[in-house]
C-alpha atoms as a PDB file:
ATOM      1  CA  UNK A   1       0.355  31.695  10.486  1.00  0.00           C
ATOM      2  CA  UNK A   2       0.428  32.270   6.716  1.00  0.00           C
ATOM      3  CA  UNK A   3       4.204  31.900   6.737  1.00  0.00           C
ATOM      4  CA  UNK A   4       3.919  28.517   8.475  1.00  0.00           C
ATOM      5  CA  UNK A   5       1.273  27.406   5.954  1.00  0.00           C
ATOM      6  CA  UNK A   6       3.435  28.531   3.030  1.00  0.00           C
ATOM      7  CA  UNK A   7       6.441  26.687   4.454  1.00  0.00           C
ATOM      8  CA  UNK A   8       4.363  23.552   4.973  1.00  0.00           C
ATOM      9  CA  UNK A   9       3.044  23.675   1.416  1.00  0.00           C
ATOM     10  CA  UNK A  10       6.543  24.190   0.020  1.00  0.00           C
ATOM     11  CA  UNK A  11       7.800  21.193   2.018  1.00  0.00           C
ATOM     12  CA  UNK A  12       4.828  19.145   0.751  1.00  0.00           C
ATOM     13  CA  UNK A  13       5.699  20.004  -2.848  1.00  0.00           C
ATOM     14  CA  UNK A  14       9.333  18.984  -2.241  1.00  0.00           C
ATOM     15  CA  UNK A  15       8.185  15.652  -0.783  1.00  0.00           C
ATOM     16  CA  UNK A  16       5.909  14.985  -3.745  1.00  0.00           C
ATOM     17  CA  UNK A  17       8.722  15.865  -6.143  1.00  0.00           C
ATOM     18  CA  UNK A  18      10.800  12.966  -4.751  1.00  0.00           C
ATOM     19  CA  UNK A  19       8.466  10.508  -6.507  1.00  0.00           C
ATOM     20  CA  UNK A  20       8.740   9.978 -10.249  1.00  0.00           C
ATOM     21  CA  UNK A  21       6.646   8.415 -12.987  1.00  0.00           C
ATOM     22  CA  UNK A  22       9.488   5.947 -13.561  1.00  0.00           C
ATOM     23  CA  UNK A  23       9.072   4.668  -9.989  1.00  0.00           C
ATOM     24  CA  UNK A  24       5.300   4.264 -10.281  1.00  0.00           C
ATOM     25  CA  UNK A  25       4.945   2.671 -13.720  1.00  0.00           C
ATOM     26  CA  UNK A  26       6.306  -0.715 -12.501  1.00  0.00           C
ATOM     27  CA  UNK A  27       3.739  -0.725  -9.677  1.00  0.00           C
ATOM     28  CA  UNK A  28       0.954  -0.245 -12.209  1.00  0.00           C
ATOM     29  CA  UNK A  29       2.419  -3.164 -14.178  1.00  0.00           C
ATOM     30  CA  UNK A  30       2.355  -5.327 -11.038  1.00  0.00           C
ATOM     31  CA  UNK A  31      -1.327  -4.529 -10.484  1.00  0.00           C
ATOM     32  CA  UNK A  32      -2.034  -5.131 -14.179  1.00  0.00           C
ATOM     33  CA  UNK A  33      -0.395  -8.566 -13.926  1.00  0.00           C
ATOM     34  CA  UNK A  34      -2.319  -9.354 -10.726  1.00  0.00           C
ATOM     35  CA  UNK A  35      -5.580  -8.420 -12.431  1.00  0.00           C
ATOM     36  CA  UNK A  36      -4.756 -10.451 -15.548  1.00  0.00           C
ATOM     37  CA  UNK A  37      -3.948 -13.534 -13.428  1.00  0.00           C
ATOM     38  CA  UNK A  38      -6.914 -13.076 -11.048  1.00  0.00           C
ATOM     39  CA  UNK A  39      -4.608 -12.559  -8.079  1.00  0.00           C
ATOM     40  CA  UNK A  40      -5.650 -11.029  -4.776  1.00  0.00           C
ATOM     41  CA  UNK A  41      -4.210  -7.640  -3.792  1.00  0.00           C
ATOM     42  CA  UNK A  42      -3.839  -6.902  -0.074  1.00  0.00           C
ATOM     43  CA  UNK A  43      -3.156  -3.492   1.494  1.00  0.00           C
ATOM     44  CA  UNK A  44      -1.927  -2.910   5.053  1.00  0.00           C
ATOM     45  CA  UNK A  45      -0.879  -0.002   7.253  1.00  0.00           C
ATOM     46  CA  UNK A  46      -1.272   1.482  10.737  1.00  0.00           C
ATOM     47  CA  UNK A  47      -2.972   4.708  11.798  1.00  0.00           C
ATOM     48  CA  UNK A  48      -3.212   7.129   8.872  1.00  0.00           C
ATOM     49  CA  UNK A  49      -1.607   4.499   6.667  1.00  0.00           C
ATOM     50  CA  UNK A  50      -4.401   2.074   7.622  1.00  0.00           C
ATOM     51  CA  UNK A  51      -6.885   4.664   6.401  1.00  0.00           C
ATOM     52  CA  UNK A  52      -4.877   5.018   3.187  1.00  0.00           C
ATOM     53  CA  UNK A  53      -4.987   1.223   2.744  1.00  0.00           C
ATOM     54  CA  UNK A  54      -8.776   1.271   3.141  1.00  0.00           C
ATOM     55  CA  UNK A  55      -9.142   4.199   0.754  1.00  0.00           C
ATOM     56  CA  UNK A  56      -6.984   2.403  -1.832  1.00  0.00           C
ATOM     57  CA  UNK A  57      -9.079  -0.791  -1.583  1.00  0.00           C
ATOM     58  CA  UNK A  58     -12.282   1.192  -2.141  1.00  0.00           C
ATOM     59  CA  UNK A  59     -10.910   3.135  -5.102  1.00  0.00           C
ATOM     60  CA  UNK A  60      -9.433   0.081  -6.827  1.00  0.00           C
ATOM     61  CA  UNK A  61     -12.134  -2.419  -5.849  1.00  0.00           C
ATOM     62  CA  UNK A  62     -15.124  -0.187  -6.511  1.00  0.00           C
ATOM     63  CA  UNK A  63     -14.089   2.834  -8.547  1.00  0.00           C
ATOM     64  CA  UNK A  64     -11.631   1.361 -11.038  1.00  0.00           C
ATOM     65  CA  UNK A  65     -13.441  -1.972 -11.140  1.00  0.00           C
ATOM     66  CA  UNK A  66     -16.727  -0.284 -12.090  1.00  0.00           C
ATOM     67  CA  UNK A  67     -15.326   0.610 -15.523  1.00  0.00           C
ATOM     68  CA  UNK A  68     -13.613  -2.716 -16.198  1.00  0.00           C
ATOM     69  CA  UNK A  69     -14.791  -5.990 -17.701  1.00  0.00           C
ATOM     70  CA  UNK A  70     -13.519  -7.927 -14.677  1.00  0.00           C
ATOM     71  CA  UNK A  71     -13.127  -6.539 -11.185  1.00  0.00           C
ATOM     72  CA  UNK A  72      -9.966  -6.223  -9.120  1.00  0.00           C
ATOM     73  CA  UNK A  73      -9.765  -8.586  -6.153  1.00  0.00           C
ATOM     74  CA  UNK A  74      -8.506  -6.183  -3.478  1.00  0.00           C
ATOM     75  CA  UNK A  75      -8.813  -6.241   0.292  1.00  0.00           C
ATOM     76  CA  UNK A  76      -7.557  -3.931   3.012  1.00  0.00           C
ATOM     77  CA  UNK A  77      -6.558  -6.075   5.993  1.00  0.00           C
ATOM     78  CA  UNK A  78      -7.033  -3.025   8.243  1.00  0.00           C
ATOM     79  CA  UNK A  79     -10.818  -3.080   8.046  1.00  0.00           C
ATOM     80  CA  UNK A  80     -11.954  -6.039  10.167  1.00  0.00           C
ATOM     81  CA  UNK A  81     -11.807  -4.663  13.712  1.00  0.00           C
ATOM     82  CA  UNK A  82     -13.102  -7.872  15.272  1.00  0.00           C
ATOM     83  CA  UNK A  83     -10.441  -9.986  13.604  1.00  0.00           C
ATOM     84  CA  UNK A  84      -7.633  -7.496  14.294  1.00  0.00           C
ATOM     85  CA  UNK A  85      -8.512  -7.236  17.979  1.00  0.00           C
ATOM     86  CA  UNK A  86      -8.892 -11.025  18.345  1.00  0.00           C
ATOM     87  CA  UNK A  87      -5.485 -11.610  16.782  1.00  0.00           C
ATOM     88  CA  UNK A  88      -3.894  -8.814  18.804  1.00  0.00           C
ATOM     89  CA  UNK A  89      -5.424 -10.072  22.034  1.00  0.00           C
ATOM     90  CA  UNK A  90      -4.911 -13.803  21.533  1.00  0.00           C
ATOM     91  CA  UNK A  91      -1.459 -13.610  19.930  1.00  0.00           C
ATOM     92  CA  UNK A  92       0.305 -10.291  19.514  1.00  0.00           C
ATOM     93  CA  UNK A  93      -0.425  -7.033  17.721  1.00  0.00           C
ATOM     94  CA  UNK A  94       2.611  -7.746  15.526  1.00  0.00           C
ATOM     95  CA  UNK A  95       0.680 -10.759  14.161  1.00  0.00           C
ATOM     96  CA  UNK A  96      -2.510  -9.009  13.017  1.00  0.00           C
ATOM     97  CA  UNK A  97      -1.619  -8.890   9.312  1.00  0.00           C
ATOM     98  CA  UNK A  98       0.387 -12.027   8.636  1.00  0.00           C
ATOM     99  CA  UNK A  99      -2.220 -14.197  10.354  1.00  0.00           C
ATOM    100  CA  UNK A 100      -4.896 -12.776   8.039  1.00  0.00           C
ATOM    101  CA  UNK A 101      -2.629 -13.415   5.060  1.00  0.00           C
ATOM    102  CA  UNK A 102      -2.253 -17.019   6.224  1.00  0.00           C
ATOM    103  CA  UNK A 103      -6.021 -17.423   5.675  1.00  0.00           C
ATOM    104  CA  UNK A 104      -6.348 -15.531   2.392  1.00  0.00           C
ATOM    105  CA  UNK A 105      -3.079 -15.259   0.482  1.00  0.00           C
ATOM    106  CA  UNK A 106      -1.713 -17.547  -2.199  1.00  0.00           C
ATOM    107  CA  UNK A 107       1.605 -17.484  -4.088  1.00  0.00           C
ATOM    108  CA  UNK A 108       1.548 -14.760  -6.731  1.00  0.00           C
ATOM    109  CA  UNK A 109      -0.824 -12.487  -4.806  1.00  0.00           C
ATOM    110  CA  UNK A 110       0.291  -8.903  -4.103  1.00  0.00           C
ATOM    111  CA  UNK A 111       0.903  -7.271  -0.723  1.00  0.00           C
ATOM    112  CA  UNK A 112       1.120  -3.483  -0.515  1.00  0.00           C
ATOM    113  CA  UNK A 113       2.511  -2.184   2.765  1.00  0.00           C
ATOM    114  CA  UNK A 114       2.163   1.493   3.663  1.00  0.00           C
ATOM    115  CA  UNK A 115       4.366   2.876   6.438  1.00  0.00           C
ATOM    116  CA  UNK A 116       6.252   6.093   7.062  1.00  0.00           C
ATOM    117  CA  UNK A 117       8.975   4.450   9.175  1.00  0.00           C
ATOM    118  CA  UNK A 118       9.158   1.222   7.201  1.00  0.00           C
ATOM    119  CA  UNK A 119       9.695  -0.564  10.508  1.00  0.00           C
ATOM    120  CA  UNK A 120       6.184  -1.221  11.829  1.00  0.00           C
ATOM    121  CA  UNK A 121       6.534  -4.673  13.433  1.00  0.00           C
ATOM    122  CA  UNK A 122       3.172  -5.958  12.194  1.00  0.00           C
ATOM    123  CA  UNK A 123       3.924  -4.900   8.602  1.00  0.00           C
ATOM    124  CA  UNK A 124       7.489  -6.209   8.706  1.00  0.00           C
ATOM    125  CA  UNK A 125       6.203  -9.604   9.932  1.00  0.00           C
ATOM    126  CA  UNK A 126       3.611  -9.609   7.151  1.00  0.00           C
ATOM    127  CA  UNK A 127       6.343  -8.888   4.591  1.00  0.00           C
ATOM    128  CA  UNK A 128       8.526 -11.664   6.007  1.00  0.00           C
ATOM    129  CA  UNK A 129       5.571 -14.062   5.747  1.00  0.00           C
ATOM    130  CA  UNK A 130       4.809 -12.835   2.224  1.00  0.00           C
ATOM    131  CA  UNK A 131       8.388 -13.399   1.061  1.00  0.00           C
ATOM    132  CA  UNK A 132       8.347 -16.933   2.480  1.00  0.00           C
ATOM    133  CA  UNK A 133       5.031 -17.658   0.715  1.00  0.00           C
ATOM    134  CA  UNK A 134       5.938 -16.143  -2.670  1.00  0.00           C
ATOM    135  CA  UNK A 135       3.726 -13.064  -2.697  1.00  0.00           C
ATOM    136  CA  UNK A 136       4.750  -9.991  -4.698  1.00  0.00           C
ATOM    137  CA  UNK A 137       5.501  -7.158  -2.274  1.00  0.00           C
ATOM    138  CA  UNK A 138       5.300  -3.396  -2.675  1.00  0.00           C
ATOM    139  CA  UNK A 139       6.565  -1.080   0.090  1.00  0.00           C
ATOM    140  CA  UNK A 140       5.475   2.558   0.239  1.00  0.00           C
ATOM    141  CA  UNK A 141       7.754   4.091   2.865  1.00  0.00           C
ATOM    142  CA  UNK A 142       9.251   7.365   4.033  1.00  0.00           C
ATOM    143  CA  UNK A 143      12.811   8.598   3.774  1.00  0.00           C
ATOM    144  CA  UNK A 144      14.192   6.240   6.431  1.00  0.00           C
ATOM    145  CA  UNK A 145      13.012   3.281   4.301  1.00  0.00           C
ATOM    146  CA  UNK A 146      13.283   0.715   7.126  1.00  0.00           C
ATOM    147  CA  UNK A 147      13.133  -3.070   7.076  1.00  0.00           C
ATOM    148  CA  UNK A 148      10.158  -3.118   4.695  1.00  0.00           C
ATOM    149  CA  UNK A 149      12.306  -1.632   1.942  1.00  0.00           C
ATOM    150  CA  UNK A 150      14.873  -4.399   2.446  1.00  0.00           C
ATOM    151  CA  UNK A 151      12.211  -7.103   2.092  1.00  0.00           C
ATOM    152  CA  UNK A 152      10.070  -5.694  -0.725  1.00  0.00           C
ATOM    153  CA  UNK A 153      10.201  -6.551  -4.400  1.00  0.00           C
ATOM    154  CA  UNK A 154       9.265  -2.967  -5.263  1.00  0.00           C
ATOM    155  CA  UNK A 155       9.874   0.147  -3.139  1.00  0.00           C
ATOM    156  CA  UNK A 156       8.820   3.756  -3.402  1.00  0.00           C
ATOM    157  CA  UNK A 157      10.459   5.842  -0.689  1.00  0.00           C
ATOM    158  CA  UNK A 158       9.106   9.352  -0.269  1.00  0.00           C
ATOM    159  CA  UNK A 159      12.054  11.659   0.393  1.00  0.00           C
ATOM    160  CA  UNK A 160      10.784  13.018   3.711  1.00  0.00           C
ATOM    161  CA  UNK A 161      10.244  11.736   7.260  1.00  0.00           C
ATOM    162  CA  UNK A 162       7.351  14.005   8.344  1.00  0.00           C
ATOM    163  CA  UNK A 163       4.403  11.697   8.945  1.00  0.00           C
ATOM    164  CA  UNK A 164       1.726  13.969   7.496  1.00  0.00           C
ATOM    165  CA  UNK A 165       3.671  14.836   4.369  1.00  0.00           C
ATOM    166  CA  UNK A 166       4.705  11.241   3.677  1.00  0.00           C
ATOM    167  CA  UNK A 167       1.176   9.905   4.226  1.00  0.00           C
ATOM    168  CA  UNK A 168      -0.184  12.579   1.868  1.00  0.00           C
ATOM    169  CA  UNK A 169       2.313  11.639  -0.847  1.00  0.00           C
ATOM    170  CA  UNK A 170       1.577   7.943  -0.310  1.00  0.00           C
ATOM    171  CA  UNK A 171      -2.117   8.675  -0.901  1.00  0.00           C
ATOM    172  CA  UNK A 172      -1.126  10.471  -4.117  1.00  0.00           C
ATOM    173  CA  UNK A 173       0.698   7.293  -5.159  1.00  0.00           C
ATOM    174  CA  UNK A 174      -2.252   5.074  -4.270  1.00  0.00           C
ATOM    175  CA  UNK A 175      -4.615   7.337  -6.204  1.00  0.00           C
ATOM    176  CA  UNK A 176      -2.329   7.143  -9.233  1.00  0.00           C
ATOM    177  CA  UNK A 177      -2.367   3.336  -9.014  1.00  0.00           C
ATOM    178  CA  UNK A 178      -6.180   3.346  -8.953  1.00  0.00           C
ATOM    179  CA  UNK A 179      -6.817   6.075 -11.501  1.00  0.00           C
ATOM    180  CA  UNK A 180      -4.434   4.454 -13.975  1.00  0.00           C
ATOM    181  CA  UNK A 181      -7.111   1.782 -14.428  1.00  0.00           C
ATOM    182  CA  UNK A 182     -10.120   3.964 -13.654  1.00  0.00           C
ATOM    183  CA  UNK A 183      -9.187   6.329 -16.494  1.00  0.00           C
ATOM    184  CA  UNK A 184      -7.560   3.660 -18.707  1.00  0.00           C
ATOM    185  CA  UNK A 185      -9.370   0.342 -18.149  1.00  0.00           C
ATOM    186  CA  UNK A 186      -7.808  -0.942 -21.376  1.00  0.00           C
ATOM    187  CA  UNK A 187      -4.437  -1.010 -19.591  1.00  0.00           C
ATOM    188  CA  UNK A 188      -5.615  -3.999 -17.575  1.00  0.00           C
ATOM    189  CA  UNK A 189      -6.571  -5.980 -20.678  1.00  0.00           C
END
């Protein structure tokens, strides 16, 4: 058992090492610009990635915003179960994110998609909608990259395809995006 744990931890470190500061700094700049221009930031994902989207919205919208002069406008579109199930039932599960964006999003807003495969149909459709409606798009994906990476303005691809490891590294990335402002609120000025 200890050998398996050691191997898992080593693989996790290798996955984390595929992400660099140079890849993340532009994402922080995008959030800084969104904050400066009072733009909305949306986060989406499925399964564990949906939980990561929710966690990100809490940390940026509550945690980082608590130390700033003006709060981030951030919303996880994974959190309204009634709306998601109505859209999935009445239309199609692939429509649950873009149809929410159609109500909330405006040109210049930011969409962050979190997916290991990069091919989740509901996130891909949201990215297609976002591109058509002039949103800034950030894709956090795994090693296969997928369609999201082709559509996004900014991409960080974790160099692994193991769902648990990629989701863990994606949460590292999301924490970095939040703590950049939480620990340095002056960066948003």
